[in-house]
N, C-alpha and C. Protein backbone atom coordinates (compact mmCIF):
# COMPACT_ATOMS: atom_id res chain seq x y z
N UNK A 1 10.31 -53.71 -78.82
CA UNK A 1 9.55 -52.46 -78.76
C UNK A 1 10.48 -51.27 -78.51
N UNK A 2 11.23 -51.33 -77.40
CA UNK A 2 12.08 -50.21 -77.02
C UNK A 2 13.24 -50.05 -77.99
N UNK A 3 13.85 -51.16 -78.37
CA UNK A 3 15.05 -51.10 -79.20
C UNK A 3 14.77 -50.41 -80.53
N UNK A 4 13.62 -50.64 -81.10
CA UNK A 4 13.30 -50.02 -82.39
C UNK A 4 13.07 -48.52 -82.27
N UNK A 5 12.75 -48.06 -81.06
CA UNK A 5 12.49 -46.64 -80.84
C UNK A 5 13.75 -45.84 -80.48
N UNK A 6 14.80 -46.54 -80.04
CA UNK A 6 15.99 -45.87 -79.51
C UNK A 6 16.54 -44.78 -80.43
N UNK A 7 16.71 -45.02 -81.74
CA UNK A 7 17.28 -43.96 -82.59
C UNK A 7 16.49 -42.65 -82.53
N UNK A 8 15.15 -42.75 -82.53
CA UNK A 8 14.34 -41.53 -82.47
C UNK A 8 14.35 -40.92 -81.07
N UNK A 9 14.47 -41.76 -80.05
CA UNK A 9 14.46 -41.28 -78.67
C UNK A 9 15.70 -40.45 -78.33
N UNK A 10 16.73 -40.57 -79.16
CA UNK A 10 17.94 -39.80 -78.92
C UNK A 10 17.77 -38.32 -79.23
N UNK A 11 16.77 -37.99 -80.04
CA UNK A 11 16.65 -36.61 -80.52
C UNK A 11 15.33 -35.93 -80.19
N UNK A 12 14.42 -36.64 -79.52
CA UNK A 12 13.12 -36.05 -79.23
C UNK A 12 12.57 -36.53 -77.90
N UNK A 13 11.65 -35.75 -77.35
CA UNK A 13 10.98 -36.14 -76.12
C UNK A 13 9.64 -36.82 -76.41
N UNK A 14 9.31 -36.99 -77.67
CA UNK A 14 8.00 -37.53 -78.01
C UNK A 14 8.07 -38.94 -78.61
N UNK A 15 8.66 -39.08 -79.78
CA UNK A 15 8.68 -40.37 -80.46
C UNK A 15 9.32 -41.45 -79.59
N UNK A 16 8.59 -42.50 -79.35
CA UNK A 16 9.09 -43.59 -78.53
C UNK A 16 8.83 -43.39 -77.06
N UNK A 17 9.19 -42.25 -76.54
CA UNK A 17 9.00 -41.97 -75.11
C UNK A 17 7.53 -42.00 -74.72
N UNK A 18 6.69 -41.35 -75.54
CA UNK A 18 5.27 -41.29 -75.20
C UNK A 18 4.64 -42.68 -75.24
N UNK A 19 5.08 -43.53 -76.18
CA UNK A 19 4.57 -44.90 -76.24
C UNK A 19 4.93 -45.68 -74.98
N UNK A 20 6.17 -45.52 -74.55
CA UNK A 20 6.62 -46.22 -73.34
C UNK A 20 5.87 -45.72 -72.12
N UNK A 21 5.73 -44.41 -72.00
CA UNK A 21 5.03 -43.83 -70.86
C UNK A 21 3.56 -44.27 -70.83
N UNK A 22 2.96 -44.39 -72.01
CA UNK A 22 1.55 -44.76 -72.11
C UNK A 22 1.31 -46.20 -71.65
N UNK A 23 2.30 -47.08 -71.83
CA UNK A 23 2.13 -48.49 -71.48
C UNK A 23 2.26 -48.73 -69.98
N UNK A 24 2.87 -47.80 -69.26
CA UNK A 24 3.02 -47.91 -67.81
C UNK A 24 3.63 -49.25 -67.39
N UNK A 25 4.67 -49.67 -68.09
CA UNK A 25 5.33 -50.94 -67.74
C UNK A 25 5.97 -50.83 -66.36
N UNK A 26 5.93 -51.92 -65.63
CA UNK A 26 6.46 -51.92 -64.26
C UNK A 26 7.97 -52.06 -64.26
N UNK A 27 8.56 -51.76 -63.09
CA UNK A 27 10.00 -51.94 -62.93
C UNK A 27 10.37 -53.40 -63.14
N UNK A 28 9.51 -54.29 -62.69
CA UNK A 28 9.77 -55.72 -62.86
C UNK A 28 9.86 -56.08 -64.34
N UNK A 29 8.98 -55.49 -65.16
CA UNK A 29 9.01 -55.78 -66.61
C UNK A 29 10.31 -55.30 -67.22
N UNK A 30 10.73 -54.09 -66.89
CA UNK A 30 11.99 -53.56 -67.43
C UNK A 30 13.17 -54.40 -66.94
N UNK A 31 13.09 -54.85 -65.70
CA UNK A 31 14.16 -55.66 -65.13
C UNK A 31 14.31 -56.97 -65.90
N UNK A 32 13.20 -57.66 -66.14
CA UNK A 32 13.25 -58.96 -66.80
C UNK A 32 13.45 -58.86 -68.30
N UNK A 33 12.81 -57.86 -68.93
CA UNK A 33 12.81 -57.79 -70.39
C UNK A 33 13.96 -56.98 -70.97
N UNK A 34 14.54 -56.07 -70.20
CA UNK A 34 15.60 -55.21 -70.74
C UNK A 34 16.91 -55.36 -69.98
N UNK A 35 16.88 -55.16 -68.66
CA UNK A 35 18.12 -55.12 -67.89
C UNK A 35 18.82 -56.48 -67.86
N UNK A 36 18.10 -57.53 -67.49
CA UNK A 36 18.73 -58.85 -67.38
C UNK A 36 19.40 -59.31 -68.68
N UNK A 37 18.71 -59.24 -69.83
CA UNK A 37 19.38 -59.70 -71.06
C UNK A 37 20.46 -58.74 -71.56
N UNK A 38 20.22 -57.43 -71.50
CA UNK A 38 21.18 -56.48 -72.05
C UNK A 38 22.46 -56.42 -71.23
N UNK A 39 22.34 -56.57 -69.92
CA UNK A 39 23.53 -56.52 -69.05
C UNK A 39 24.45 -57.71 -69.27
N UNK A 40 23.97 -58.73 -69.96
CA UNK A 40 24.81 -59.88 -70.27
C UNK A 40 25.85 -59.56 -71.34
N UNK A 41 25.53 -58.61 -72.21
CA UNK A 41 26.40 -58.33 -73.35
C UNK A 41 27.84 -57.98 -72.96
N UNK A 42 28.07 -56.99 -72.07
CA UNK A 42 29.47 -56.64 -71.76
C UNK A 42 30.31 -57.78 -71.22
N UNK A 43 29.85 -58.53 -70.19
CA UNK A 43 30.72 -59.60 -69.69
C UNK A 43 30.94 -60.73 -70.71
N UNK A 44 29.90 -61.07 -71.48
CA UNK A 44 30.04 -62.14 -72.47
C UNK A 44 31.01 -61.73 -73.57
N UNK A 45 30.87 -60.51 -74.06
CA UNK A 45 31.73 -60.06 -75.16
C UNK A 45 33.15 -59.77 -74.67
N UNK A 46 33.30 -59.35 -73.43
CA UNK A 46 34.64 -59.20 -72.86
C UNK A 46 35.34 -60.55 -72.81
N UNK A 47 34.59 -61.56 -72.35
CA UNK A 47 35.16 -62.91 -72.29
C UNK A 47 35.55 -63.39 -73.68
N UNK A 48 34.69 -63.10 -74.66
CA UNK A 48 34.98 -63.49 -76.04
C UNK A 48 36.28 -62.84 -76.53
N UNK A 49 36.41 -61.53 -76.29
CA UNK A 49 37.59 -60.81 -76.75
C UNK A 49 38.86 -61.35 -76.09
N UNK A 50 38.77 -61.67 -74.80
CA UNK A 50 39.94 -62.16 -74.09
C UNK A 50 40.34 -63.57 -74.52
N UNK A 51 39.34 -64.37 -74.90
CA UNK A 51 39.64 -65.74 -75.32
C UNK A 51 40.12 -65.81 -76.76
N UNK A 52 39.54 -64.98 -77.63
CA UNK A 52 39.86 -65.05 -79.06
C UNK A 52 41.12 -64.28 -79.42
N UNK A 53 41.25 -63.06 -78.87
CA UNK A 53 42.47 -62.28 -79.13
C UNK A 53 42.92 -61.59 -77.85
N UNK A 54 43.48 -62.39 -76.92
CA UNK A 54 43.91 -61.86 -75.61
C UNK A 54 44.97 -60.79 -75.73
N UNK A 55 44.79 -59.71 -74.95
CA UNK A 55 45.78 -58.65 -74.91
C UNK A 55 45.70 -57.65 -76.03
N UNK A 56 44.81 -57.86 -77.01
CA UNK A 56 44.71 -56.93 -78.15
C UNK A 56 43.93 -55.68 -77.77
N UNK A 57 42.73 -55.87 -77.22
CA UNK A 57 41.89 -54.74 -76.81
C UNK A 57 42.23 -54.30 -75.39
N UNK A 58 42.55 -55.25 -74.53
CA UNK A 58 42.89 -54.95 -73.14
C UNK A 58 44.33 -55.39 -72.90
N UNK A 59 45.29 -54.56 -73.33
CA UNK A 59 46.70 -54.96 -73.24
C UNK A 59 47.21 -55.17 -71.82
N UNK A 60 46.52 -54.61 -70.81
CA UNK A 60 46.97 -54.77 -69.44
C UNK A 60 46.61 -56.14 -68.88
N UNK A 61 45.69 -56.83 -69.55
CA UNK A 61 45.27 -58.14 -69.05
C UNK A 61 46.15 -59.25 -69.63
N UNK A 62 47.43 -59.08 -69.49
CA UNK A 62 48.40 -60.08 -69.94
C UNK A 62 49.23 -60.49 -68.73
N UNK A 63 49.32 -61.78 -68.38
CA UNK A 63 48.80 -62.89 -69.16
C UNK A 63 47.28 -62.96 -69.15
N UNK A 64 46.74 -63.58 -70.16
CA UNK A 64 45.29 -63.65 -70.32
C UNK A 64 44.65 -64.41 -69.16
N UNK A 65 43.43 -64.00 -68.84
CA UNK A 65 42.69 -64.68 -67.79
C UNK A 65 42.27 -66.08 -68.27
N UNK A 66 42.17 -66.98 -67.34
CA UNK A 66 41.70 -68.32 -67.66
C UNK A 66 40.18 -68.28 -67.85
N UNK A 67 39.59 -69.29 -68.50
CA UNK A 67 38.13 -69.31 -68.65
C UNK A 67 37.39 -69.19 -67.32
N UNK A 68 37.91 -69.87 -66.30
CA UNK A 68 37.25 -69.80 -64.99
C UNK A 68 37.31 -68.38 -64.42
N UNK A 69 38.45 -67.74 -64.56
CA UNK A 69 38.60 -66.36 -64.08
C UNK A 69 37.69 -65.42 -64.85
N UNK A 70 37.52 -65.66 -66.14
CA UNK A 70 36.62 -64.84 -66.95
C UNK A 70 35.18 -65.01 -66.50
N UNK A 71 34.82 -66.22 -66.13
CA UNK A 71 33.46 -66.47 -65.63
C UNK A 71 33.23 -65.71 -64.33
N UNK A 72 34.21 -65.77 -63.44
CA UNK A 72 34.09 -65.06 -62.15
C UNK A 72 33.97 -63.56 -62.37
N UNK A 73 34.84 -63.02 -63.23
CA UNK A 73 34.80 -61.58 -63.50
C UNK A 73 33.48 -61.20 -64.16
N UNK A 74 32.98 -62.07 -65.04
CA UNK A 74 31.71 -61.78 -65.72
C UNK A 74 30.54 -61.75 -64.75
N UNK A 75 30.53 -62.69 -63.81
CA UNK A 75 29.45 -62.73 -62.82
C UNK A 75 29.49 -61.49 -61.94
N UNK A 76 30.69 -61.09 -61.53
CA UNK A 76 30.84 -59.89 -60.68
C UNK A 76 30.32 -58.65 -61.42
N UNK A 77 30.76 -58.49 -62.67
CA UNK A 77 30.36 -57.30 -63.42
C UNK A 77 28.87 -57.32 -63.76
N UNK A 78 28.34 -58.49 -64.07
CA UNK A 78 26.91 -58.62 -64.39
C UNK A 78 26.07 -58.21 -63.18
N UNK A 79 26.43 -58.72 -62.01
CA UNK A 79 25.69 -58.36 -60.80
C UNK A 79 25.81 -56.88 -60.48
N UNK A 80 26.99 -56.32 -60.69
CA UNK A 80 27.21 -54.90 -60.40
C UNK A 80 26.35 -54.02 -61.31
N UNK A 81 26.22 -54.41 -62.57
CA UNK A 81 25.39 -53.63 -63.50
C UNK A 81 23.92 -53.62 -63.06
N UNK A 82 23.43 -54.77 -62.67
CA UNK A 82 22.03 -54.89 -62.25
C UNK A 82 21.78 -54.03 -61.01
N UNK A 83 22.72 -54.09 -60.06
CA UNK A 83 22.58 -53.27 -58.86
C UNK A 83 22.64 -51.79 -59.20
N UNK A 84 23.47 -51.42 -60.17
CA UNK A 84 23.63 -50.02 -60.53
C UNK A 84 22.34 -49.46 -61.13
N UNK A 85 21.64 -50.24 -61.93
CA UNK A 85 20.37 -49.75 -62.51
C UNK A 85 19.37 -49.46 -61.39
N UNK A 86 19.29 -50.36 -60.42
CA UNK A 86 18.40 -50.12 -59.29
C UNK A 86 18.79 -48.89 -58.50
N UNK A 87 20.10 -48.69 -58.31
CA UNK A 87 20.59 -47.51 -57.60
C UNK A 87 20.23 -46.24 -58.35
N UNK A 88 20.42 -46.25 -59.68
CA UNK A 88 20.10 -45.08 -60.49
C UNK A 88 18.60 -44.77 -60.44
N UNK A 89 17.78 -45.80 -60.42
CA UNK A 89 16.33 -45.59 -60.32
C UNK A 89 15.98 -44.89 -59.01
N UNK A 90 16.59 -45.35 -57.93
CA UNK A 90 16.36 -44.72 -56.62
C UNK A 90 16.84 -43.27 -56.64
N UNK A 91 18.00 -43.03 -57.26
CA UNK A 91 18.55 -41.68 -57.33
C UNK A 91 17.63 -40.76 -58.14
N UNK A 92 17.14 -41.24 -59.27
CA UNK A 92 16.24 -40.45 -60.11
C UNK A 92 14.98 -40.07 -59.34
N UNK A 93 14.43 -41.05 -58.62
CA UNK A 93 13.22 -40.76 -57.85
C UNK A 93 13.50 -39.75 -56.74
N UNK A 94 14.64 -39.89 -56.06
CA UNK A 94 14.98 -38.97 -54.96
C UNK A 94 15.22 -37.55 -55.50
N UNK A 95 15.90 -37.44 -56.65
CA UNK A 95 16.16 -36.13 -57.23
C UNK A 95 14.85 -35.45 -57.63
N UNK A 96 13.91 -36.25 -58.12
CA UNK A 96 12.60 -35.69 -58.49
C UNK A 96 11.84 -35.23 -57.26
N UNK A 97 11.88 -36.05 -56.21
CA UNK A 97 11.17 -35.70 -54.98
C UNK A 97 11.77 -34.46 -54.32
N UNK A 98 13.07 -34.23 -54.54
CA UNK A 98 13.70 -33.02 -54.01
C UNK A 98 13.12 -31.77 -54.65
N UNK A 99 12.51 -31.94 -55.82
CA UNK A 99 11.85 -30.83 -56.50
C UNK A 99 10.33 -30.96 -56.40
N UNK A 100 9.89 -31.60 -55.34
CA UNK A 100 8.45 -31.74 -55.04
C UNK A 100 7.70 -32.46 -56.15
N UNK A 101 8.34 -33.48 -56.72
CA UNK A 101 7.67 -34.26 -57.75
C UNK A 101 8.08 -35.72 -57.60
N UNK A 102 7.11 -36.59 -57.31
CA UNK A 102 7.39 -38.01 -57.16
C UNK A 102 6.85 -38.76 -58.38
N UNK A 103 7.74 -39.21 -59.27
CA UNK A 103 7.28 -39.90 -60.49
C UNK A 103 6.88 -41.35 -60.24
N UNK A 104 7.22 -41.87 -59.06
CA UNK A 104 7.00 -43.28 -58.78
C UNK A 104 8.22 -44.09 -59.17
N UNK A 105 8.43 -45.20 -58.48
CA UNK A 105 9.63 -45.99 -58.73
C UNK A 105 9.63 -46.63 -60.12
N UNK A 106 8.46 -47.05 -60.59
CA UNK A 106 8.39 -47.69 -61.91
C UNK A 106 8.88 -46.76 -63.01
N UNK A 107 8.45 -45.51 -62.97
CA UNK A 107 8.88 -44.54 -63.99
C UNK A 107 10.36 -44.24 -63.88
N UNK A 108 10.84 -44.11 -62.64
CA UNK A 108 12.27 -43.85 -62.44
C UNK A 108 13.10 -45.04 -62.92
N UNK A 109 12.62 -46.24 -62.67
CA UNK A 109 13.35 -47.44 -63.10
C UNK A 109 13.36 -47.54 -64.62
N UNK A 110 12.26 -47.14 -65.25
CA UNK A 110 12.21 -47.17 -66.72
C UNK A 110 13.32 -46.32 -67.32
N UNK A 111 13.50 -45.11 -66.79
CA UNK A 111 14.56 -44.23 -67.30
C UNK A 111 15.94 -44.80 -66.99
N UNK A 112 16.10 -45.34 -65.79
CA UNK A 112 17.40 -45.92 -65.40
C UNK A 112 17.75 -47.12 -66.24
N UNK A 113 16.74 -47.86 -66.70
CA UNK A 113 16.99 -49.06 -67.51
C UNK A 113 17.25 -48.72 -68.98
N UNK A 114 16.61 -47.68 -69.47
CA UNK A 114 16.76 -47.30 -70.88
C UNK A 114 18.06 -46.56 -71.12
N UNK A 115 18.47 -45.71 -70.19
CA UNK A 115 19.66 -44.86 -70.39
C UNK A 115 20.93 -45.63 -70.74
N UNK A 116 21.22 -46.78 -70.10
CA UNK A 116 22.49 -47.46 -70.43
C UNK A 116 22.43 -48.37 -71.65
N UNK A 117 21.30 -48.41 -72.35
CA UNK A 117 21.18 -49.29 -73.53
C UNK A 117 22.31 -49.05 -74.54
N UNK A 118 22.65 -47.79 -74.89
CA UNK A 118 23.78 -47.59 -75.82
C UNK A 118 25.09 -48.15 -75.31
N UNK A 119 25.32 -48.06 -74.00
CA UNK A 119 26.56 -48.60 -73.43
C UNK A 119 26.59 -50.12 -73.54
N UNK A 120 25.45 -50.74 -73.29
CA UNK A 120 25.38 -52.20 -73.44
C UNK A 120 25.61 -52.61 -74.89
N UNK A 121 24.97 -51.89 -75.81
CA UNK A 121 25.14 -52.21 -77.22
C UNK A 121 26.57 -51.94 -77.69
N UNK A 122 27.22 -50.94 -77.09
CA UNK A 122 28.59 -50.61 -77.48
C UNK A 122 29.55 -51.76 -77.24
N UNK A 123 29.20 -52.66 -76.33
CA UNK A 123 30.08 -53.80 -76.07
C UNK A 123 30.21 -54.72 -77.28
N UNK A 124 29.30 -54.59 -78.23
CA UNK A 124 29.41 -55.36 -79.48
C UNK A 124 30.67 -54.99 -80.25
N UNK A 125 31.21 -53.81 -79.97
CA UNK A 125 32.45 -53.38 -80.63
C UNK A 125 33.62 -54.28 -80.26
N UNK A 126 33.47 -55.04 -79.17
CA UNK A 126 34.54 -55.94 -78.75
C UNK A 126 34.73 -57.10 -79.73
N UNK A 127 33.79 -57.24 -80.65
CA UNK A 127 33.94 -58.26 -81.69
C UNK A 127 35.02 -57.87 -82.69
N UNK A 128 35.40 -56.59 -82.67
CA UNK A 128 36.44 -56.08 -83.57
C UNK A 128 37.73 -55.91 -82.77
N UNK A 129 38.80 -56.60 -83.13
CA UNK A 129 40.04 -56.52 -82.36
C UNK A 129 40.85 -55.25 -82.63
N UNK A 130 40.28 -54.13 -82.24
CA UNK A 130 40.93 -52.84 -82.49
C UNK A 130 40.59 -51.90 -81.34
N UNK A 131 41.59 -51.51 -80.56
CA UNK A 131 41.36 -50.68 -79.37
C UNK A 131 40.78 -49.33 -79.73
N UNK A 132 41.28 -48.68 -80.78
CA UNK A 132 40.79 -47.36 -81.17
C UNK A 132 39.31 -47.42 -81.54
N UNK A 133 38.93 -48.48 -82.24
CA UNK A 133 37.52 -48.64 -82.63
C UNK A 133 36.64 -48.79 -81.39
N UNK A 134 37.08 -49.62 -80.46
CA UNK A 134 36.29 -49.86 -79.24
C UNK A 134 36.14 -48.57 -78.44
N UNK A 135 37.22 -47.81 -78.29
CA UNK A 135 37.17 -46.55 -77.54
C UNK A 135 36.23 -45.55 -78.21
N UNK A 136 36.30 -45.46 -79.55
CA UNK A 136 35.43 -44.53 -80.29
C UNK A 136 33.96 -44.87 -80.10
N UNK A 137 33.63 -46.15 -80.23
CA UNK A 137 32.24 -46.59 -80.06
C UNK A 137 31.77 -46.36 -78.62
N UNK A 138 32.65 -46.59 -77.66
CA UNK A 138 32.29 -46.40 -76.26
C UNK A 138 31.99 -44.93 -75.96
N UNK A 139 32.81 -44.03 -76.48
CA UNK A 139 32.57 -42.59 -76.29
C UNK A 139 31.25 -42.16 -76.93
N UNK A 140 30.98 -42.68 -78.13
CA UNK A 140 29.71 -42.37 -78.80
C UNK A 140 28.54 -42.90 -77.98
N UNK A 141 28.72 -44.06 -77.36
CA UNK A 141 27.66 -44.65 -76.53
C UNK A 141 27.39 -43.81 -75.30
N UNK A 142 28.45 -43.26 -74.69
CA UNK A 142 28.27 -42.36 -73.54
C UNK A 142 27.44 -41.14 -73.95
N UNK A 143 27.76 -40.57 -75.10
CA UNK A 143 27.02 -39.41 -75.59
C UNK A 143 25.56 -39.78 -75.82
N UNK A 144 25.32 -40.95 -76.39
CA UNK A 144 23.94 -41.40 -76.65
C UNK A 144 23.18 -41.61 -75.35
N UNK A 145 23.83 -42.17 -74.34
CA UNK A 145 23.18 -42.39 -73.05
C UNK A 145 22.78 -41.07 -72.40
N UNK A 146 23.66 -40.08 -72.52
CA UNK A 146 23.35 -38.75 -71.97
C UNK A 146 22.15 -38.15 -72.70
N UNK A 147 22.09 -38.33 -74.01
CA UNK A 147 20.95 -37.81 -74.78
C UNK A 147 19.65 -38.50 -74.36
N UNK A 148 19.72 -39.79 -74.09
CA UNK A 148 18.51 -40.51 -73.66
C UNK A 148 18.02 -39.98 -72.32
N UNK A 149 18.94 -39.71 -71.41
CA UNK A 149 18.54 -39.16 -70.11
C UNK A 149 17.87 -37.80 -70.30
N UNK A 150 18.49 -36.94 -71.09
CA UNK A 150 17.99 -35.58 -71.25
C UNK A 150 16.63 -35.55 -71.94
N UNK A 151 16.40 -36.47 -72.88
CA UNK A 151 15.12 -36.49 -73.58
C UNK A 151 14.07 -37.35 -72.87
N UNK A 152 14.52 -38.21 -71.94
CA UNK A 152 13.57 -39.09 -71.29
C UNK A 152 13.02 -38.62 -69.97
N UNK A 153 13.67 -37.64 -69.36
CA UNK A 153 13.25 -37.18 -68.03
C UNK A 153 11.81 -36.69 -68.02
N UNK A 154 11.48 -35.78 -68.90
CA UNK A 154 10.14 -35.18 -68.86
C UNK A 154 9.03 -36.15 -69.24
N UNK A 155 9.14 -36.89 -70.35
CA UNK A 155 8.03 -37.79 -70.69
C UNK A 155 7.87 -38.98 -69.75
N UNK A 156 8.98 -39.58 -69.28
CA UNK A 156 8.86 -40.75 -68.43
C UNK A 156 8.53 -40.40 -66.99
N UNK A 157 9.06 -39.28 -66.51
CA UNK A 157 8.80 -38.87 -65.13
C UNK A 157 7.59 -37.95 -65.02
N UNK A 158 6.96 -37.68 -66.15
CA UNK A 158 5.73 -36.87 -66.20
C UNK A 158 5.94 -35.48 -65.60
N UNK A 159 7.00 -34.82 -66.05
CA UNK A 159 7.34 -33.48 -65.58
C UNK A 159 6.92 -32.46 -66.64
N UNK A 160 6.07 -31.55 -66.28
CA UNK A 160 5.60 -30.55 -67.24
C UNK A 160 6.45 -29.29 -67.21
N UNK A 161 7.04 -28.99 -66.06
CA UNK A 161 7.86 -27.79 -65.93
C UNK A 161 9.22 -28.02 -66.59
N UNK A 162 9.55 -27.21 -67.58
CA UNK A 162 10.79 -27.40 -68.33
C UNK A 162 12.03 -27.18 -67.47
N UNK A 163 11.99 -26.20 -66.57
CA UNK A 163 13.14 -25.91 -65.71
C UNK A 163 13.43 -27.07 -64.76
N UNK A 164 12.36 -27.62 -64.18
CA UNK A 164 12.53 -28.77 -63.29
C UNK A 164 13.09 -29.96 -64.08
N UNK A 165 12.57 -30.14 -65.28
CA UNK A 165 13.04 -31.23 -66.14
C UNK A 165 14.53 -31.10 -66.44
N UNK A 166 14.98 -29.89 -66.77
CA UNK A 166 16.40 -29.66 -67.06
C UNK A 166 17.26 -29.89 -65.83
N UNK A 167 16.77 -29.44 -64.68
CA UNK A 167 17.53 -29.61 -63.44
C UNK A 167 17.73 -31.10 -63.14
N UNK A 168 16.64 -31.86 -63.18
CA UNK A 168 16.73 -33.29 -62.88
C UNK A 168 17.62 -33.99 -63.90
N UNK A 169 17.50 -33.62 -65.18
CA UNK A 169 18.32 -34.22 -66.22
C UNK A 169 19.80 -33.95 -65.97
N UNK A 170 20.13 -32.72 -65.58
CA UNK A 170 21.53 -32.37 -65.32
C UNK A 170 22.09 -33.15 -64.13
N UNK A 171 21.31 -33.22 -63.05
CA UNK A 171 21.77 -33.92 -61.85
C UNK A 171 21.92 -35.41 -62.13
N UNK A 172 20.93 -35.99 -62.79
CA UNK A 172 20.97 -37.42 -63.08
C UNK A 172 22.12 -37.75 -64.04
N UNK A 173 22.36 -36.88 -65.01
CA UNK A 173 23.47 -37.11 -65.96
C UNK A 173 24.81 -37.12 -65.22
N UNK A 174 25.04 -36.10 -64.39
CA UNK A 174 26.29 -36.04 -63.65
C UNK A 174 26.45 -37.21 -62.69
N UNK A 175 25.39 -37.50 -61.95
CA UNK A 175 25.44 -38.61 -61.00
C UNK A 175 25.59 -39.94 -61.72
N UNK A 176 24.93 -40.06 -62.86
CA UNK A 176 25.00 -41.30 -63.62
C UNK A 176 26.39 -41.59 -64.12
N UNK A 177 27.07 -40.57 -64.64
CA UNK A 177 28.45 -40.74 -65.12
C UNK A 177 29.36 -41.17 -63.98
N UNK A 178 29.24 -40.48 -62.84
CA UNK A 178 30.07 -40.82 -61.69
C UNK A 178 29.75 -42.23 -61.18
N UNK A 179 28.46 -42.57 -61.18
CA UNK A 179 28.05 -43.88 -60.66
C UNK A 179 28.58 -45.02 -61.54
N UNK A 180 28.51 -44.86 -62.86
CA UNK A 180 28.98 -45.93 -63.74
C UNK A 180 30.50 -46.03 -63.72
N UNK A 181 31.20 -44.91 -63.53
CA UNK A 181 32.65 -44.97 -63.37
C UNK A 181 32.99 -45.69 -62.07
N UNK A 182 32.23 -45.37 -61.01
CA UNK A 182 32.44 -46.04 -59.73
C UNK A 182 32.18 -47.54 -59.86
N UNK A 183 31.18 -47.89 -60.68
CA UNK A 183 30.87 -49.29 -60.92
C UNK A 183 32.08 -50.02 -61.49
N UNK A 184 32.72 -49.41 -62.48
CA UNK A 184 33.90 -50.02 -63.09
C UNK A 184 35.04 -50.17 -62.08
N UNK A 185 35.24 -49.12 -61.27
CA UNK A 185 36.33 -49.15 -60.28
C UNK A 185 36.07 -50.22 -59.23
N UNK A 186 34.84 -50.25 -58.69
CA UNK A 186 34.52 -51.23 -57.65
C UNK A 186 34.59 -52.65 -58.21
N UNK A 187 34.08 -52.83 -59.43
CA UNK A 187 34.12 -54.16 -60.05
C UNK A 187 35.57 -54.61 -60.22
N UNK A 188 36.43 -53.68 -60.65
CA UNK A 188 37.84 -54.01 -60.83
C UNK A 188 38.49 -54.37 -59.50
N UNK A 189 38.13 -53.65 -58.44
CA UNK A 189 38.69 -53.94 -57.11
C UNK A 189 38.24 -55.30 -56.61
N UNK A 190 36.94 -55.58 -56.76
CA UNK A 190 36.42 -56.88 -56.32
C UNK A 190 37.06 -58.00 -57.11
N UNK A 191 37.16 -57.80 -58.42
CA UNK A 191 37.77 -58.81 -59.27
C UNK A 191 39.23 -59.03 -58.88
N UNK A 192 39.94 -57.93 -58.60
CA UNK A 192 41.35 -58.04 -58.21
C UNK A 192 41.50 -58.85 -56.93
N UNK A 193 40.61 -58.62 -55.95
CA UNK A 193 40.67 -59.36 -54.71
C UNK A 193 40.37 -60.84 -54.93
N UNK A 194 39.35 -61.10 -55.77
CA UNK A 194 38.99 -62.49 -56.05
C UNK A 194 40.12 -63.23 -56.75
N UNK A 195 40.74 -62.55 -57.73
CA UNK A 195 41.84 -63.18 -58.44
C UNK A 195 43.06 -63.36 -57.53
N UNK A 196 43.24 -62.40 -56.59
CA UNK A 196 44.34 -62.54 -55.64
C UNK A 196 44.13 -63.77 -54.76
N UNK A 197 42.91 -63.96 -54.27
CA UNK A 197 42.60 -65.14 -53.47
C UNK A 197 42.77 -66.40 -54.30
N UNK A 198 42.30 -66.31 -55.57
CA UNK A 198 42.41 -67.46 -56.48
C UNK A 198 43.87 -67.86 -56.66
N UNK A 199 44.75 -66.87 -56.88
CA UNK A 199 46.17 -67.15 -57.10
C UNK A 199 46.81 -67.73 -55.85
N UNK A 200 46.43 -67.21 -54.69
CA UNK A 200 47.01 -67.68 -53.44
C UNK A 200 46.64 -69.13 -53.14
N UNK A 201 45.46 -69.53 -53.62
CA UNK A 201 44.99 -70.88 -53.35
C UNK A 201 45.66 -71.91 -54.26
N UNK A 202 46.24 -71.44 -55.38
CA UNK A 202 46.87 -72.38 -56.34
C UNK A 202 48.26 -72.79 -55.88
């Protein structure tokens, strides 16, 4: 349902968004139907890239990680992504409440779950062993995620005031970029510590 609407949702506040808002899907539904399966893509495809052509896309990961290390890193990153969506939902709701508007957690979670879809899909670029291609697709995915936030704030959070909608969209966009960058940094730190312990035990 959502995936087929994504292209139109990038350019409008109506097509796709109104259908989603009308269905009033719960945070639990978005968690099970969208977040859990889509968040699997980056760690699985990263593992694929490292096993099939190690060091080509991620030249710093030489020597290549072992299958067990890839599983550990994948689990860490998968869990971090899931936690990040929940954090973003809380942030969206708090930012809305700061402007005297409470959209409810379900609506906030819907936006938090839909916004990173382009980033999750961008991980499919890891099937191509070319760093420039992966970077280009990733940058395009960031732009698409920002567009989804900007077009999804008003219909999903039920905000009629355009100024309030723009304010929340701007704050959520900035916070979202910083939060996902922090996710990568923290995941890398946790992974580094785990691999350090792993190496010391061998």
